Amino acid sequence: MKQWIKAASLGLVILSSSMYANAAEAAQKIGYVSTGQAMSELAQRYKVQDKLKKEFSGRVAALRSIETKMKGKIDKLKRDGELMSSDQRQKLQRELAQLDSDYKLKAQALAEDQRRRGMEEEQKLVKKIRTAIDTVAEKNGYNIVLDAQAVLFANKKDDLSSKVIAAVK
């Protein structure tokens, strides 16, 4: 009985290894794309940073305005604090605390919105790159396309990065 199990196991191993060999033969053409480079070049081409800066410029200006007000009130408190009555000083300190609170709240909301919009723009680029990779791979007969970071060594002729960047519309 043990002999039969060993023979069956050996047969199974041989069969599975031949199946993997056939699968490896079928996937002969493998290419790679430097997605980091593609993202960087496409972000510059589509001026993503400028677009986001412009989109949030009003809110950044509002934060700078609050900063300016706070600096003015802090300077006034330092300069005239000794001469002010305690009521005036408390009023100014409350105004400063209110401005500080408002600034922190708006800065946090702005940072979150900028992060979210940045991710949205990145996802748009990723989608365009994936579509371009599919198109280039199919056009050039590649069965598998890997990210360049996952490749330890490859021939330069299998680098599809420039073709992918050119294919992105």
Protein backbone atom coordinates (compact mmCIF):
# COMPACT_ATOMS: atom_id res chain seq x y z
CA MET A 1 0.00 0.00 0.00
CA LYS A 2 2.82 2.40 0.88
CA GLN A 3 4.52 1.65 -2.43
CA TRP A 4 1.34 2.53 -4.30
CA ILE A 5 1.00 5.89 -2.43
CA LYS A 6 4.63 6.75 -3.21
CA ALA A 7 4.12 5.94 -6.89
CA ALA A 8 0.93 8.02 -7.03
CA SER A 9 2.68 10.93 -5.30
CA LEU A 10 5.61 10.78 -7.68
CA GLY A 11 3.27 10.68 -10.66
CA LEU A 12 1.38 13.67 -9.32
CA VAL A 13 4.59 15.63 -8.82
CA ILE A 14 5.75 14.87 -12.36
CA LEU A 15 2.37 15.76 -13.81
CA SER A 16 2.14 19.08 -11.92
CA SER A 17 5.72 20.06 -12.81
CA SER A 18 5.06 19.42 -16.50
CA MET A 19 1.91 21.56 -16.26
CA TYR A 20 3.95 24.43 -14.76
CA ALA A 21 6.56 24.01 -17.50
CA ASN A 22 3.85 24.26 -20.16
CA ALA A 23 2.43 27.33 -18.46
CA ALA A 24 5.88 28.92 -18.35
CA GLU A 25 6.37 28.23 -22.07
CA ALA A 26 3.04 29.84 -22.89
CA ALA A 27 4.01 33.09 -21.10
CA GLN A 28 7.13 33.81 -23.10
CA LYS A 29 7.02 37.57 -23.55
CA ILE A 30 7.36 39.57 -20.34
CA GLY A 31 7.76 43.33 -20.17
CA TYR A 32 8.07 45.89 -17.41
CA VAL A 33 6.99 49.46 -16.79
CA SER A 34 8.43 51.98 -14.37
CA THR A 35 5.11 53.14 -12.96
CA GLY A 36 6.79 55.67 -10.66
CA GLN A 37 8.46 57.36 -13.61
CA ALA A 38 5.23 57.24 -15.60
CA MET A 39 3.25 58.79 -12.73
CA SER A 40 5.83 61.53 -12.29
CA GLU A 41 6.00 62.43 -15.99
CA LEU A 42 2.24 62.33 -16.44
CA ALA A 43 1.65 64.43 -13.32
CA GLN A 44 3.97 67.04 -14.83
CA ARG A 45 2.30 66.76 -18.25
CA TYR A 46 -1.16 67.25 -16.80
CA LYS A 47 0.10 69.89 -14.33
CA VAL A 48 -1.61 68.17 -11.42
CA GLN A 49 0.21 70.20 -8.75
CA ASP A 50 -0.64 73.51 -10.43
CA LYS A 51 -4.26 72.43 -10.80
CA LEU A 52 -4.51 71.53 -7.12
CA LYS A 53 -2.71 74.71 -6.04
CA LYS A 54 -5.14 76.79 -8.04
CA GLU A 55 -8.11 74.87 -6.67
CA PHE A 56 -7.10 75.50 -3.05
CA SER A 57 -5.54 78.96 -3.44
CA GLY A 58 -8.54 80.77 -1.93
CA ARG A 59 -8.51 78.67 1.21
CA VAL A 60 -4.72 79.00 1.56
CA ALA A 61 -5.09 82.77 1.26
CA ALA A 62 -7.76 82.73 3.98
CA LEU A 63 -5.39 80.83 6.28
CA ARG A 64 -2.61 83.33 5.59
CA SER A 65 -5.02 86.13 6.42
CA ILE A 66 -5.79 84.50 9.78
CA GLU A 67 -2.04 84.11 10.41
CA THR A 68 -1.51 87.80 9.70
CA LYS A 69 -4.33 88.78 12.07
CA MET A 70 -2.89 86.55 14.77
CA LYS A 71 0.60 88.02 14.37
CA GLY A 72 -0.83 91.53 14.57
CA LYS A 73 -2.75 90.75 17.76
CA ILE A 74 0.26 88.98 19.31
CA ASP A 75 2.45 91.98 18.53
CA LYS A 76 -0.17 94.29 20.00
CA LEU A 77 -0.36 92.14 23.14
CA LYS A 78 3.44 92.16 23.52
CA ARG A 79 3.74 95.84 22.78
CA ASP A 80 0.73 97.22 24.69
CA GLY A 81 -0.07 94.36 27.09
CA GLU A 82 1.41 96.16 30.08
CA LEU A 83 -0.57 99.33 29.33
CA MET A 84 -3.92 97.61 28.73
CA SER A 85 -6.54 97.10 31.35
CA SER A 86 -7.13 93.51 32.39
CA ASP A 87 -10.47 93.49 30.50
CA GLN A 88 -8.80 94.66 27.30
CA ARG A 89 -6.01 92.10 27.69
CA GLN A 90 -8.52 89.28 28.32
CA LYS A 91 -10.56 90.35 25.32
CA LEU A 92 -7.45 90.31 23.13
CA GLN A 93 -6.40 86.91 24.51
CA ARG A 94 -9.88 85.50 23.77
CA GLU A 95 -9.71 86.88 20.24
CA LEU A 96 -6.30 85.22 19.83
CA ALA A 97 -7.62 81.92 21.17
CA GLN A 98 -10.61 82.15 18.80
CA LEU A 99 -8.35 82.91 15.82
CA ASP A 100 -6.02 80.07 16.79
CA SER A 101 -8.91 77.63 17.06
CA ASP A 102 -10.36 78.81 13.76
CA TYR A 103 -6.94 78.54 12.10
CA LYS A 104 -6.34 74.99 13.32
CA LEU A 105 -9.80 73.85 12.24
CA LYS A 106 -9.50 75.38 8.77
CA ALA A 107 -5.91 74.15 8.33
CA GLN A 108 -6.91 70.60 9.25
CA ALA A 109 -9.90 70.68 6.86
CA LEU A 110 -7.71 72.09 4.09
CA ALA A 111 -5.03 69.43 4.60
CA GLU A 112 -7.65 66.67 4.49
CA ASP A 113 -9.30 68.08 1.37
CA GLN A 114 -5.92 68.48 -0.35
CA ARG A 115 -5.00 64.89 0.51
CA ARG A 116 -8.34 63.60 -0.78
CA ARG A 117 -8.14 65.58 -4.04
CA GLY A 118 -4.53 64.53 -4.52
CA MET A 119 -5.57 60.90 -4.21
CA GLU A 120 -8.41 61.44 -6.69
CA GLU A 121 -6.02 62.92 -9.24
CA GLU A 122 -3.55 60.10 -8.62
CA GLN A 123 -6.28 57.52 -9.19
CA LYS A 124 -7.16 59.19 -12.51
CA LEU A 125 -3.53 58.90 -13.61
CA VAL A 126 -3.31 55.28 -12.44
CA LYS A 127 -6.40 54.43 -14.47
CA LYS A 128 -4.92 56.10 -17.57
CA ILE A 129 -1.61 54.28 -17.07
CA ARG A 130 -3.31 50.90 -16.66
CA THR A 131 -5.31 51.43 -19.83
CA ALA A 132 -2.14 52.43 -21.68
CA ILE A 133 -0.27 49.39 -20.32
CA ASP A 134 -3.05 47.09 -21.54
CA THR A 135 -3.01 48.74 -24.97
CA VAL A 136 0.80 48.65 -25.35
CA ALA A 137 1.08 45.07 -24.06
CA GLU A 138 -1.62 43.82 -26.41
CA LYS A 139 -0.21 45.75 -29.36
CA ASN A 140 3.33 44.42 -28.81
CA GLY A 141 2.33 40.87 -27.88
CA TYR A 142 3.36 40.89 -24.21
CA ASN A 143 1.73 38.25 -22.05
CA ILE A 144 2.87 39.70 -18.71
CA VAL A 145 3.80 43.25 -17.72
CA LEU A 146 5.40 43.87 -14.32
CA ASP A 147 6.26 46.97 -12.35
CA ALA A 148 9.96 47.81 -12.75
CA GLN A 149 10.39 47.82 -8.96
CA ALA A 150 9.49 44.13 -8.87
CA VAL A 151 12.13 43.25 -11.48
CA LEU A 152 15.69 42.54 -10.40
CA PHE A 153 17.07 42.24 -13.92
CA ALA A 154 15.56 42.63 -17.36
CA ASN A 155 16.65 43.48 -20.85
CA LYS A 156 16.16 47.15 -21.81
CA LYS A 157 14.19 46.09 -24.88
CA ASP A 158 11.41 44.84 -22.58
CA ASP A 159 11.06 48.26 -20.89
CA LEU A 160 7.66 49.56 -21.98
CA SER A 161 7.76 52.75 -19.89
CA SER A 162 8.30 55.22 -22.74
CA LYS A 163 5.69 53.48 -24.91
CA VAL A 164 3.16 53.59 -22.06
CA ILE A 165 3.83 57.27 -21.37
CA ALA A 166 3.42 58.05 -25.07
CA ALA A 167 0.19 56.02 -25.21
CA VAL A 168 -1.51 57.91 -22.39
CA LYS A 169 -3.96 60.37 -23.87
